[in-house]
Amino acid sequence: MVEYSSRILDRVFGALADPTRRRILAQLTKGEECVTDLAKPHAMSLAAVSKHLIVLEKAGLVKRRRDGRVHSLTLEAKPMREAQAWLDRYRKFWEGNLDQFEKYLDDLQTKESKHDHDKK
């Protein structure tokens, strides 16, 4: 069984919990962007966007590159893959439980149909 760092997962899911940060990540799927370009579509100050970027960096979801005064960011896939692997582990669990529940409901429906048929 794969073990996941709770601290890393906490940071990744915490970063993903905010809609602004998810929009920033979506912007970065198109490629590297500088901080000012990332800030343009958001109705907030550059300082506020920078705070969101710091959260994304601490979660390992983005990587910053400095070229003089220009700060550019790129998307980092590894933490997202680890979060997806963690989710997949529980998806398998829930799918198994849902399959069992579906079978139970089918059995119950069959018994009720038989019972209704026997009453006639």
N, C-alpha and C. Protein backbone atom coordinates (compact mmCIF):
# COMPACT_ATOMS: atom_id res chain seq x y z
N MET A 1 0.84 -1.17 0.00
CA MET A 1 0.00 0.00 0.00
C MET A 1 0.89 1.24 0.00
N VAL A 2 0.53 2.23 -0.80
CA VAL A 2 1.29 3.48 -0.89
C VAL A 2 0.91 4.36 0.29
N GLU A 3 1.92 4.93 0.92
CA GLU A 3 1.67 5.85 2.03
C GLU A 3 1.81 7.28 1.51
N TYR A 4 0.95 8.15 1.95
CA TYR A 4 0.94 9.53 1.51
C TYR A 4 1.25 10.43 2.69
N SER A 5 2.03 11.47 2.43
CA SER A 5 2.36 12.42 3.48
C SER A 5 1.13 13.27 3.78
N SER A 6 0.67 13.21 4.99
CA SER A 6 -0.49 13.98 5.40
C SER A 6 -0.26 15.48 5.19
N ARG A 7 0.93 15.94 5.52
CA ARG A 7 1.25 17.36 5.39
C ARG A 7 1.14 17.81 3.93
N ILE A 8 1.67 17.00 3.02
CA ILE A 8 1.61 17.35 1.60
C ILE A 8 0.17 17.35 1.11
N LEU A 9 -0.57 16.29 1.44
CA LEU A 9 -1.97 16.22 1.01
C LEU A 9 -2.79 17.36 1.61
N ASP A 10 -2.54 17.71 2.86
CA ASP A 10 -3.25 18.83 3.48
C ASP A 10 -3.00 20.11 2.71
N ARG A 11 -1.77 20.34 2.32
CA ARG A 11 -1.43 21.56 1.57
C ARG A 11 -2.06 21.55 0.18
N VAL A 12 -2.01 20.40 -0.49
CA VAL A 12 -2.58 20.31 -1.84
C VAL A 12 -4.08 20.53 -1.79
N PHE A 13 -4.78 19.80 -0.92
CA PHE A 13 -6.23 19.95 -0.86
C PHE A 13 -6.63 21.32 -0.32
N GLY A 14 -5.84 21.87 0.59
CA GLY A 14 -6.10 23.23 1.06
C GLY A 14 -5.96 24.25 -0.06
N ALA A 15 -4.95 24.08 -0.88
CA ALA A 15 -4.74 24.99 -2.01
C ALA A 15 -5.88 24.85 -3.02
N LEU A 16 -6.31 23.62 -3.26
CA LEU A 16 -7.36 23.37 -4.24
C LEU A 16 -8.75 23.79 -3.74
N ALA A 17 -8.88 24.03 -2.44
CA ALA A 17 -10.18 24.37 -1.86
C ALA A 17 -10.65 25.77 -2.28
N ASP A 18 -9.74 26.60 -2.75
CA ASP A 18 -10.09 27.98 -3.08
C ASP A 18 -10.34 28.14 -4.58
N PRO A 19 -11.47 28.73 -4.98
CA PRO A 19 -11.78 28.86 -6.40
C PRO A 19 -10.79 29.75 -7.17
N THR A 20 -10.26 30.77 -6.53
CA THR A 20 -9.26 31.63 -7.21
C THR A 20 -8.02 30.82 -7.53
N ARG A 21 -7.56 30.01 -6.59
CA ARG A 21 -6.37 29.20 -6.84
C ARG A 21 -6.62 28.16 -7.92
N ARG A 22 -7.84 27.59 -7.95
CA ARG A 22 -8.15 26.65 -9.02
C ARG A 22 -8.16 27.34 -10.38
N ARG A 23 -8.65 28.58 -10.43
CA ARG A 23 -8.64 29.33 -11.70
C ARG A 23 -7.20 29.63 -12.12
N ILE A 24 -6.35 29.95 -11.17
CA ILE A 24 -4.94 30.21 -11.49
C ILE A 24 -4.30 28.95 -12.06
N LEU A 25 -4.56 27.81 -11.44
CA LEU A 25 -4.03 26.55 -11.96
C LEU A 25 -4.53 26.28 -13.38
N ALA A 26 -5.80 26.60 -13.62
CA ALA A 26 -6.37 26.41 -14.96
C ALA A 26 -5.65 27.31 -15.96
N GLN A 27 -5.33 28.53 -15.56
CA GLN A 27 -4.58 29.43 -16.43
C GLN A 27 -3.22 28.83 -16.78
N LEU A 28 -2.59 28.21 -15.80
CA LEU A 28 -1.24 27.67 -15.99
C LEU A 28 -1.22 26.39 -16.82
N THR A 29 -2.37 25.78 -17.06
CA THR A 29 -2.39 24.60 -17.91
C THR A 29 -2.01 24.96 -19.34
N LYS A 30 -2.11 26.23 -19.69
CA LYS A 30 -1.75 26.69 -21.03
C LYS A 30 -0.26 26.98 -21.17
N GLY A 31 0.45 26.97 -20.05
CA GLY A 31 1.90 27.22 -20.07
C GLY A 31 2.31 28.27 -19.06
N GLU A 32 3.58 28.55 -19.04
CA GLU A 32 4.16 29.50 -18.10
C GLU A 32 3.56 30.89 -18.28
N GLU A 33 3.30 31.56 -17.14
CA GLU A 33 2.79 32.93 -17.16
C GLU A 33 3.45 33.74 -16.06
N CYS A 34 3.60 35.03 -16.31
CA CYS A 34 4.15 35.91 -15.27
C CYS A 34 3.03 36.28 -14.30
N VAL A 35 3.43 36.74 -13.14
CA VAL A 35 2.48 37.04 -12.07
C VAL A 35 1.47 38.09 -12.51
N THR A 36 1.90 39.12 -13.19
CA THR A 36 0.95 40.17 -13.60
C THR A 36 -0.09 39.63 -14.58
N ASP A 37 0.31 38.75 -15.49
CA ASP A 37 -0.66 38.16 -16.41
C ASP A 37 -1.63 37.23 -15.69
N LEU A 38 -1.12 36.51 -14.68
CA LEU A 38 -2.00 35.65 -13.89
C LEU A 38 -3.02 36.47 -13.11
N ALA A 39 -2.63 37.68 -12.70
CA ALA A 39 -3.50 38.52 -11.88
C ALA A 39 -4.59 39.22 -12.70
N LYS A 40 -4.36 39.44 -13.98
CA LYS A 40 -5.29 40.24 -14.80
C LYS A 40 -6.75 39.78 -14.73
N PRO A 41 -7.06 38.49 -14.88
CA PRO A 41 -8.48 38.10 -14.90
C PRO A 41 -9.18 38.12 -13.53
N HIS A 42 -8.45 38.39 -12.48
CA HIS A 42 -9.03 38.31 -11.13
C HIS A 42 -9.32 39.71 -10.60
N ALA A 43 -10.47 39.86 -9.99
CA ALA A 43 -10.88 41.15 -9.43
C ALA A 43 -10.28 41.33 -8.04
N MET A 44 -8.95 41.40 -8.01
CA MET A 44 -8.25 41.60 -6.74
C MET A 44 -6.90 42.23 -7.02
N SER A 45 -6.26 42.68 -5.95
CA SER A 45 -4.97 43.33 -6.10
C SER A 45 -3.88 42.33 -6.46
N LEU A 46 -2.79 42.85 -6.97
CA LEU A 46 -1.63 42.00 -7.27
C LEU A 46 -1.11 41.34 -6.00
N ALA A 47 -1.16 42.08 -4.89
CA ALA A 47 -0.72 41.52 -3.60
C ALA A 47 -1.59 40.33 -3.18
N ALA A 48 -2.89 40.43 -3.40
CA ALA A 48 -3.80 39.32 -3.05
C ALA A 48 -3.52 38.10 -3.91
N VAL A 49 -3.30 38.32 -5.21
CA VAL A 49 -2.97 37.21 -6.11
C VAL A 49 -1.65 36.58 -5.68
N SER A 50 -0.69 37.41 -5.30
CA SER A 50 0.61 36.90 -4.85
C SER A 50 0.46 35.99 -3.64
N LYS A 51 -0.45 36.33 -2.73
CA LYS A 51 -0.69 35.48 -1.57
C LYS A 51 -1.23 34.11 -2.01
N HIS A 52 -2.13 34.12 -2.99
CA HIS A 52 -2.64 32.85 -3.51
C HIS A 52 -1.51 32.03 -4.15
N LEU A 53 -0.63 32.72 -4.86
CA LEU A 53 0.49 32.03 -5.51
C LEU A 53 1.43 31.40 -4.49
N ILE A 54 1.62 32.07 -3.37
CA ILE A 54 2.47 31.53 -2.31
C ILE A 54 1.86 30.23 -1.76
N VAL A 55 0.55 30.21 -1.58
CA VAL A 55 -0.13 28.99 -1.12
C VAL A 55 0.09 27.86 -2.13
N LEU A 56 -0.06 28.18 -3.41
CA LEU A 56 0.15 27.17 -4.46
C LEU A 56 1.59 26.68 -4.48
N GLU A 57 2.54 27.59 -4.26
CA GLU A 57 3.96 27.19 -4.21
C GLU A 57 4.23 26.28 -3.02
N LYS A 58 3.71 26.64 -1.86
CA LYS A 58 3.93 25.81 -0.66
C LYS A 58 3.34 24.42 -0.82
N ALA A 59 2.27 24.32 -1.60
CA ALA A 59 1.65 23.02 -1.87
C ALA A 59 2.42 22.26 -2.95
N GLY A 60 3.37 22.94 -3.59
CA GLY A 60 4.16 22.31 -4.63
C GLY A 60 3.46 22.24 -5.98
N LEU A 61 2.33 22.94 -6.11
CA LEU A 61 1.54 22.89 -7.33
C LEU A 61 2.07 23.80 -8.43
N VAL A 62 2.85 24.80 -8.05
CA VAL A 62 3.47 25.68 -9.04
C VAL A 62 4.94 25.90 -8.69
N LYS A 63 5.69 26.23 -9.71
CA LYS A 63 7.11 26.53 -9.53
C LYS A 63 7.37 27.92 -10.08
N ARG A 64 8.11 28.72 -9.31
CA ARG A 64 8.40 30.10 -9.68
C ARG A 64 9.80 30.19 -10.30
N ARG A 65 9.89 31.01 -11.35
CA ARG A 65 11.18 31.31 -11.98
C ARG A 65 11.31 32.82 -12.04
N ARG A 66 12.49 33.30 -11.63
CA ARG A 66 12.73 34.75 -11.64
C ARG A 66 13.69 35.10 -12.76
N ASP A 67 13.31 36.12 -13.51
CA ASP A 67 14.17 36.66 -14.56
C ASP A 67 14.19 38.17 -14.34
N GLY A 68 15.17 38.62 -13.54
CA GLY A 68 15.19 40.02 -13.15
C GLY A 68 14.02 40.30 -12.23
N ARG A 69 13.19 41.27 -12.63
CA ARG A 69 12.02 41.62 -11.81
C ARG A 69 10.78 40.82 -12.19
N VAL A 70 10.87 40.04 -13.24
CA VAL A 70 9.70 39.28 -13.71
C VAL A 70 9.69 37.90 -13.05
N HIS A 71 8.58 37.60 -12.42
CA HIS A 71 8.39 36.29 -11.80
C HIS A 71 7.39 35.52 -12.66
N SER A 72 7.82 34.35 -13.13
CA SER A 72 6.95 33.51 -13.94
C SER A 72 6.69 32.21 -13.21
N LEU A 73 5.51 31.65 -13.45
CA LEU A 73 5.13 30.41 -12.77
C LEU A 73 4.73 29.36 -13.79
N THR A 74 5.02 28.11 -13.41
CA THR A 74 4.61 26.95 -14.21
C THR A 74 3.90 25.96 -13.29
N LEU A 75 3.08 25.17 -13.90
CA LEU A 75 2.34 24.14 -13.18
C LEU A 75 3.25 22.96 -12.87
N GLU A 76 3.12 22.41 -11.68
CA GLU A 76 3.86 21.21 -11.28
C GLU A 76 2.86 20.08 -11.09
N ALA A 77 3.07 18.99 -11.77
CA ALA A 77 2.07 17.91 -11.79
C ALA A 77 2.19 16.93 -10.63
N LYS A 78 3.37 16.75 -10.07
CA LYS A 78 3.58 15.67 -9.09
C LYS A 78 2.61 15.72 -7.90
N PRO A 79 2.44 16.86 -7.24
CA PRO A 79 1.50 16.86 -6.09
C PRO A 79 0.07 16.52 -6.50
N MET A 80 -0.32 16.94 -7.69
CA MET A 80 -1.67 16.64 -8.17
C MET A 80 -1.81 15.15 -8.44
N ARG A 81 -0.76 14.54 -8.98
CA ARG A 81 -0.80 13.08 -9.22
C ARG A 81 -0.91 12.33 -7.90
N GLU A 82 -0.18 12.79 -6.88
CA GLU A 82 -0.24 12.14 -5.57
C GLU A 82 -1.62 12.28 -4.95
N ALA A 83 -2.23 13.45 -5.10
CA ALA A 83 -3.59 13.65 -4.58
C ALA A 83 -4.57 12.76 -5.34
N GLN A 84 -4.39 12.66 -6.65
CA GLN A 84 -5.26 11.80 -7.46
C GLN A 84 -5.11 10.33 -7.05
N ALA A 85 -3.89 9.91 -6.78
CA ALA A 85 -3.66 8.52 -6.34
C ALA A 85 -4.36 8.27 -5.01
N TRP A 86 -4.31 9.24 -4.11
CA TRP A 86 -4.98 9.12 -2.82
C TRP A 86 -6.49 9.01 -3.02
N LEU A 87 -7.04 9.86 -3.90
CA LEU A 87 -8.47 9.82 -4.18
C LEU A 87 -8.87 8.50 -4.84
N ASP A 88 -8.03 8.01 -5.74
CA ASP A 88 -8.33 6.74 -6.42
C ASP A 88 -8.45 5.59 -5.43
N ARG A 89 -7.62 5.62 -4.42
CA ARG A 89 -7.67 4.57 -3.39
C ARG A 89 -9.05 4.53 -2.74
N TYR A 90 -9.60 5.68 -2.44
CA TYR A 90 -10.91 5.74 -1.81
C TYR A 90 -12.04 5.57 -2.81
N ARG A 91 -11.81 5.95 -4.06
CA ARG A 91 -12.81 5.73 -5.11
C ARG A 91 -13.08 4.24 -5.24
N LYS A 92 -12.02 3.44 -5.25
CA LYS A 92 -12.18 1.99 -5.35
C LYS A 92 -13.00 1.46 -4.17
N PHE A 93 -12.73 1.98 -3.00
CA PHE A 93 -13.48 1.57 -1.80
C PHE A 93 -14.97 1.90 -1.96
N TRP A 94 -15.27 3.15 -2.35
CA TRP A 94 -16.67 3.55 -2.47
C TRP A 94 -17.37 2.84 -3.61
N GLU A 95 -16.66 2.64 -4.71
CA GLU A 95 -17.28 1.91 -5.82
C GLU A 95 -17.64 0.49 -5.40
N GLY A 96 -16.77 -0.15 -4.63
CA GLY A 96 -17.06 -1.48 -4.12
C GLY A 96 -18.28 -1.48 -3.22
N ASN A 97 -18.36 -0.48 -2.34
CA ASN A 97 -19.53 -0.38 -1.45
C ASN A 97 -20.79 -0.07 -2.24
N LEU A 98 -20.69 0.78 -3.24
CA LEU A 98 -21.87 1.10 -4.05
C LEU A 98 -22.33 -0.11 -4.85
N ASP A 99 -21.37 -0.91 -5.34
CA ASP A 99 -21.74 -2.14 -6.06
C ASP A 99 -22.49 -3.09 -5.13
N GLN A 100 -22.01 -3.22 -3.89
CA GLN A 100 -22.69 -4.09 -2.93
C GLN A 100 -24.08 -3.56 -2.59
N PHE A 101 -24.20 -2.24 -2.46
CA PHE A 101 -25.49 -1.62 -2.17
C PHE A 101 -26.45 -1.83 -3.33
N GLU A 102 -25.97 -1.69 -4.54
CA GLU A 102 -26.80 -1.91 -5.73
C GLU A 102 -27.32 -3.36 -5.76
N LYS A 103 -26.44 -4.31 -5.45
CA LYS A 103 -26.85 -5.72 -5.41
C LYS A 103 -27.91 -5.93 -4.34
N TYR A 104 -27.73 -5.33 -3.18
CA TYR A 104 -28.72 -5.42 -2.10
C TYR A 104 -30.07 -4.88 -2.55
N LEU A 105 -30.07 -3.71 -3.22
CA LEU A 105 -31.32 -3.13 -3.69
C LEU A 105 -31.99 -4.01 -4.74
N ASP A 106 -31.17 -4.58 -5.63
CA ASP A 106 -31.73 -5.49 -6.65
C ASP A 106 -32.38 -6.70 -5.99
N ASP A 107 -31.68 -7.27 -4.99
CA ASP A 107 -32.24 -8.43 -4.27
C ASP A 107 -33.54 -8.05 -3.56
N LEU A 108 -33.55 -6.89 -2.93
CA LEU A 108 -34.74 -6.41 -2.22
C LEU A 108 -35.90 -6.20 -3.20
N GLN A 109 -35.59 -5.61 -4.34
CA GLN A 109 -36.63 -5.38 -5.35
C GLN A 109 -37.18 -6.71 -5.88
N THR A 110 -36.30 -7.69 -6.09
CA THR A 110 -36.73 -9.02 -6.55
C THR A 110 -37.64 -9.67 -5.51
N LYS A 111 -37.26 -9.57 -4.23
CA LYS A 111 -38.09 -10.16 -3.17
C LYS A 111 -39.45 -9.47 -3.09
N GLU A 112 -39.48 -8.13 -3.23
CA GLU A 112 -40.74 -7.40 -3.18
C GLU A 112 -41.62 -7.77 -4.37
N SER A 113 -41.01 -7.90 -5.53
CA SER A 113 -41.77 -8.28 -6.73
C SER A 113 -42.37 -9.66 -6.56
N LYS A 114 -41.59 -10.59 -6.01
CA LYS A 114 -42.06 -11.96 -5.79
C LYS A 114 -43.19 -11.95 -4.76
N HIS A 115 -43.01 -11.15 -3.69
CA HIS A 115 -44.02 -11.06 -2.65
C HIS A 115 -45.32 -10.48 -3.23
N ASP A 116 -45.23 -9.43 -4.05
CA ASP A 116 -46.41 -8.83 -4.68
C ASP A 116 -47.08 -9.82 -5.62
N HIS A 117 -46.28 -10.59 -6.33
CA HIS A 117 -46.81 -11.59 -7.26
C HIS A 117 -47.55 -12.69 -6.50
N ASP A 118 -46.98 -13.12 -5.36
CA ASP A 118 -47.60 -14.17 -4.55
C ASP A 118 -48.94 -13.74 -3.94
N LYS A 119 -49.12 -12.44 -3.69
CA LYS A 119 -50.36 -11.91 -3.11
C LYS A 119 -51.51 -12.03 -4.10
N LYS A 120 -51.21 -11.99 -5.37
CA LYS A 120 -52.26 -11.99 -6.40
C LYS A 120 -52.88 -13.32 -6.55
